[in-house]
């Protein structure tokens, strides 16, 4: 959550893993402030060292330890500068706070996984990968739906219409409905052409049409 005001209730939660001995050594009494300010891609986050030190192998833990091998600049307010996407950092920080992965609508698991891997939060990486596998498995098990359309055309248009169908439309059936037009001495037979298309999950609820030539 981007900084609005210090939220003491979010700093400690029983569901989070226990701190390592190194993490417990960090306390305000040793000269380290309890609160840490982060500037992630231009958005400020305020949290505690205890939260950031949940995973002793993570980038954020090393940041709190002032690791000399870690190049960590600060802005004019004293916040650590991190050049990452703040939208996906929010779920990462909340996971460190309470041990649960909560994604707002529209956030992709893959985006949070990318951030978890950057910060090297091992438990979160495993959790997101498991969720992605579960999601993909559910998607693969859903039945495929079909949409059917009936197109009317004249005999001279039939070949062109079938050959120019695109966007996944397939020819299913041709029904002759007789002759309705007479040009000179030749009758023009008319047909109803039945076409179909598979609707995969990402296509549900969308309008999908044959090509312009196929509509004739």
Protein backbone atom coordinates (compact mmCIF):
# COMPACT_ATOMS: atom_id res chain seq x y z
CA UNK A 1 0.00 0.00 0.00
CA UNK A 2 1.39 3.39 -0.95
CA UNK A 3 2.14 5.66 1.95
CA UNK A 4 -0.69 7.75 3.30
CA UNK A 5 -0.02 7.63 7.01
CA UNK A 6 1.89 5.25 9.29
CA UNK A 7 -0.19 2.13 9.85
CA UNK A 8 0.98 0.42 13.00
CA UNK A 9 -1.53 -2.39 12.62
CA UNK A 10 0.11 -3.52 9.37
CA UNK A 11 3.59 -3.75 10.85
CA UNK A 12 3.16 -6.96 12.87
CA UNK A 13 1.12 -10.03 11.99
CA UNK A 14 1.11 -13.54 13.43
CA UNK A 15 0.91 -15.21 10.01
CA UNK A 16 4.31 -13.94 8.90
CA UNK A 17 7.29 -16.28 9.30
CA UNK A 18 9.36 -15.82 12.41
CA UNK A 19 12.26 -13.44 12.14
CA UNK A 20 15.75 -14.83 11.84
CA UNK A 21 18.22 -14.12 14.67
CA UNK A 22 19.81 -11.50 12.42
CA UNK A 23 16.45 -9.81 11.94
CA UNK A 24 15.76 -9.73 15.68
CA UNK A 25 19.07 -7.95 16.21
CA UNK A 26 17.73 -4.97 14.28
CA UNK A 27 16.07 -2.60 16.74
CA UNK A 28 15.79 1.14 17.21
CA UNK A 29 18.00 0.87 20.25
CA UNK A 30 21.00 -0.08 18.10
CA UNK A 31 20.71 3.07 16.04
CA UNK A 32 18.41 1.80 13.31
CA UNK A 33 15.02 3.45 12.91
CA UNK A 34 12.02 1.17 13.22
CA UNK A 35 10.34 2.69 10.16
CA UNK A 36 11.70 2.50 6.63
CA UNK A 37 10.65 4.72 3.75
CA UNK A 38 10.86 3.34 0.20
CA UNK A 39 10.56 5.21 -3.09
CA UNK A 40 9.52 2.53 -5.59
CA UNK A 41 9.21 3.92 -9.10
CA UNK A 42 8.15 7.32 -7.73
CA UNK A 43 5.58 5.98 -5.22
CA UNK A 44 6.35 6.10 -1.51
CA UNK A 45 5.82 3.16 0.83
CA UNK A 46 6.23 3.23 4.60
CA UNK A 47 6.83 0.01 6.50
CA UNK A 48 8.97 -1.41 9.29
CA UNK A 49 12.36 -3.09 9.27
CA UNK A 50 10.69 -6.10 10.85
CA UNK A 51 8.44 -6.46 7.81
CA UNK A 52 11.26 -6.05 5.30
CA UNK A 53 13.41 -8.60 7.14
CA UNK A 54 10.93 -11.49 6.85
CA UNK A 55 13.13 -13.26 4.33
CA UNK A 56 16.83 -13.10 5.28
CA UNK A 57 17.85 -13.97 1.70
CA UNK A 58 15.90 -11.16 0.09
CA UNK A 59 17.02 -7.89 -1.45
CA UNK A 60 14.91 -5.99 1.10
CA UNK A 61 16.64 -7.70 4.03
CA UNK A 62 20.02 -6.71 2.63
CA UNK A 63 18.72 -3.18 2.16
CA UNK A 64 17.89 -2.95 5.87
CA UNK A 65 21.30 -4.34 6.76
CA UNK A 66 23.00 -1.59 4.71
CA UNK A 67 24.84 -4.28 2.77
CA UNK A 68 28.00 -2.62 1.35
CA UNK A 69 27.71 -4.78 -1.78
CA UNK A 70 24.23 -3.42 -2.44
CA UNK A 71 24.09 -0.15 -4.38
CA UNK A 72 21.16 1.60 -2.68
CA UNK A 73 20.74 5.31 -3.27
CA UNK A 74 18.36 7.56 -1.32
CA UNK A 75 16.28 10.48 -2.50
CA UNK A 76 16.12 13.94 -0.90
CA UNK A 77 13.62 12.67 1.71
CA UNK A 78 15.89 9.83 2.80
CA UNK A 79 13.78 7.13 1.12
CA UNK A 80 15.54 4.21 -0.51
CA UNK A 81 15.28 4.48 -4.30
CA UNK A 82 14.11 1.31 -6.06
CA UNK A 83 13.55 1.43 -9.81
CA UNK A 84 10.65 -1.03 -10.02
CA UNK A 85 6.91 -0.98 -10.73
CA UNK A 86 5.05 0.24 -7.61
CA UNK A 87 1.80 -1.40 -8.77
CA UNK A 88 3.27 -4.86 -8.31
CA UNK A 89 5.36 -3.96 -5.28
CA UNK A 90 2.20 -3.44 -3.20
CA UNK A 91 1.21 -7.15 -3.17
CA UNK A 92 4.83 -8.09 -2.39
CA UNK A 93 4.96 -5.76 0.61
CA UNK A 94 1.56 -6.91 1.87
CA UNK A 95 2.70 -10.53 1.65
CA UNK A 96 5.65 -9.68 3.89
CA UNK A 97 3.24 -7.99 6.30
CA UNK A 98 0.66 -10.73 6.74
CA UNK A 99 1.83 -13.80 4.83
CA UNK A 100 -1.00 -13.82 2.28
CA UNK A 101 -0.98 -13.07 -1.44
CA UNK A 102 -3.80 -10.63 -2.24
CA UNK A 103 -4.16 -9.37 -5.81
CA UNK A 104 -6.45 -6.56 -6.89
CA UNK A 105 -8.62 -7.13 -9.94
CA UNK A 106 -6.62 -6.70 -13.12
CA UNK A 107 -3.23 -7.57 -11.61
CA UNK A 108 -1.56 -10.54 -13.28
CA UNK A 109 0.19 -13.19 -11.21
CA UNK A 110 3.08 -13.07 -13.67
CA UNK A 111 3.71 -9.40 -12.84
CA UNK A 112 3.92 -10.11 -9.10
CA UNK A 113 6.12 -13.14 -9.80
CA UNK A 114 8.54 -10.90 -11.69
CA UNK A 115 8.81 -8.62 -8.64
CA UNK A 116 9.09 -11.50 -6.18
CA UNK A 117 11.98 -12.90 -8.20
CA UNK A 118 13.67 -9.48 -8.33
CA UNK A 119 13.45 -9.10 -4.55
CA UNK A 120 14.33 -12.81 -4.13
CA UNK A 121 11.47 -13.62 -1.75
CA UNK A 122 11.60 -17.40 -2.03
CA UNK A 123 8.33 -18.33 -0.29
CA UNK A 124 6.37 -15.84 -2.38
CA UNK A 125 7.97 -17.09 -5.59
CA UNK A 126 6.84 -20.65 -4.83
CA UNK A 127 3.35 -19.50 -3.85
CA UNK A 128 2.79 -17.53 -7.07
CA UNK A 129 4.14 -20.31 -9.28
CA UNK A 130 1.71 -22.73 -7.62
CA UNK A 131 -1.18 -20.32 -8.22
CA UNK A 132 -0.23 -19.88 -11.88
CA UNK A 133 -0.14 -23.67 -12.36
CA UNK A 134 -3.56 -24.02 -10.72
CA UNK A 135 -5.00 -21.24 -12.88
CA UNK A 136 -3.62 -22.73 -16.10
CA UNK A 137 -4.91 -26.17 -15.13
CA UNK A 138 -8.43 -24.82 -14.55
CA UNK A 139 -8.32 -22.99 -17.87
CA UNK A 140 -7.28 -26.12 -19.76
CA UNK A 141 -10.18 -28.10 -18.26
CA UNK A 142 -12.91 -25.68 -19.32
CA UNK A 143 -15.04 -26.91 -22.25
CA UNK A 144 -14.60 -25.20 -25.59
CA UNK A 145 -17.66 -23.25 -26.75
CA UNK A 146 -18.69 -22.64 -30.35
CA UNK A 147 -20.60 -19.85 -32.03
CA UNK A 148 -22.47 -20.49 -35.27
CA UNK A 149 -23.57 -18.04 -37.95
CA UNK A 150 -25.71 -18.44 -41.06
CA UNK A 151 -24.68 -16.40 -44.11
CA UNK A 152 -26.72 -15.96 -47.26
CA UNK A 153 -24.96 -15.72 -50.61
CA UNK A 154 -25.44 -16.25 -54.31
CA UNK A 155 -23.81 -19.03 -56.26
CA UNK A 156 -21.23 -16.77 -57.87
CA UNK A 157 -20.17 -15.45 -54.45
CA UNK A 158 -19.94 -18.82 -52.74
CA UNK A 159 -16.36 -19.75 -53.65
CA UNK A 160 -14.99 -16.33 -52.80
CA UNK A 161 -16.84 -16.19 -49.49
CA UNK A 162 -15.56 -19.57 -48.28
CA UNK A 163 -11.99 -18.86 -49.39
CA UNK A 164 -11.84 -15.48 -47.67
CA UNK A 165 -13.19 -16.48 -44.25
CA UNK A 166 -10.70 -15.54 -41.55
CA UNK A 167 -10.28 -15.05 -37.80
CA UNK A 168 -10.84 -18.72 -37.03
CA UNK A 169 -14.17 -19.14 -38.82
CA UNK A 170 -14.71 -22.56 -40.43
CA UNK A 171 -17.19 -23.77 -43.04
CA UNK A 172 -19.76 -26.23 -41.59
CA UNK A 173 -22.70 -26.71 -43.94
CA UNK A 174 -24.19 -25.45 -47.21
CA UNK A 175 -27.97 -25.36 -47.76
CA UNK A 176 -29.53 -24.54 -51.13
CA UNK A 177 -32.58 -22.29 -50.92
CA UNK A 178 -33.40 -22.27 -54.68
CA UNK A 179 -33.26 -19.43 -57.17
CA UNK A 180 -34.51 -15.96 -56.36
CA UNK A 181 -32.91 -13.90 -59.08
CA UNK A 182 -32.94 -14.14 -62.86
CA UNK A 183 -30.21 -12.38 -64.81
CA UNK A 184 -30.89 -12.68 -68.52
CA UNK A 185 -31.48 -16.36 -69.21
CA UNK A 186 -29.60 -17.68 -66.16
CA UNK A 187 -31.05 -18.24 -62.72
CA UNK A 188 -28.78 -17.34 -59.80
CA UNK A 189 -28.97 -20.04 -57.13
CA UNK A 190 -28.85 -18.91 -53.53
CA UNK A 191 -27.39 -20.71 -50.53
CA UNK A 192 -27.27 -20.53 -46.78
CA UNK A 193 -23.74 -21.10 -45.55
CA UNK A 194 -23.28 -22.22 -41.92
CA UNK A 195 -19.92 -21.26 -40.34
CA UNK A 196 -18.55 -21.77 -36.83
CA UNK A 197 -15.80 -20.52 -34.57
CA UNK A 198 -14.35 -21.76 -31.29
CA UNK A 199 -14.68 -19.38 -28.36
CA UNK A 200 -11.79 -19.80 -25.97
CA UNK A 201 -11.83 -18.33 -22.48
CA UNK A 202 -10.39 -14.97 -23.45
CA UNK A 203 -13.09 -14.60 -26.11
CA UNK A 204 -16.13 -15.12 -23.86
CA UNK A 205 -18.49 -12.17 -24.02
CA UNK A 206 -16.76 -10.57 -26.99
CA UNK A 207 -18.26 -9.85 -30.36
CA UNK A 208 -16.58 -11.83 -33.10
CA UNK A 209 -17.56 -11.57 -36.74
CA UNK A 210 -16.45 -13.19 -39.99
CA UNK A 211 -14.51 -11.04 -42.42
CA UNK A 212 -16.34 -8.41 -44.42
CA UNK A 213 -16.36 -10.57 -47.54
CA UNK A 214 -17.79 -13.50 -45.60
CA UNK A 215 -20.77 -11.44 -44.43
CA UNK A 216 -22.23 -11.05 -47.87
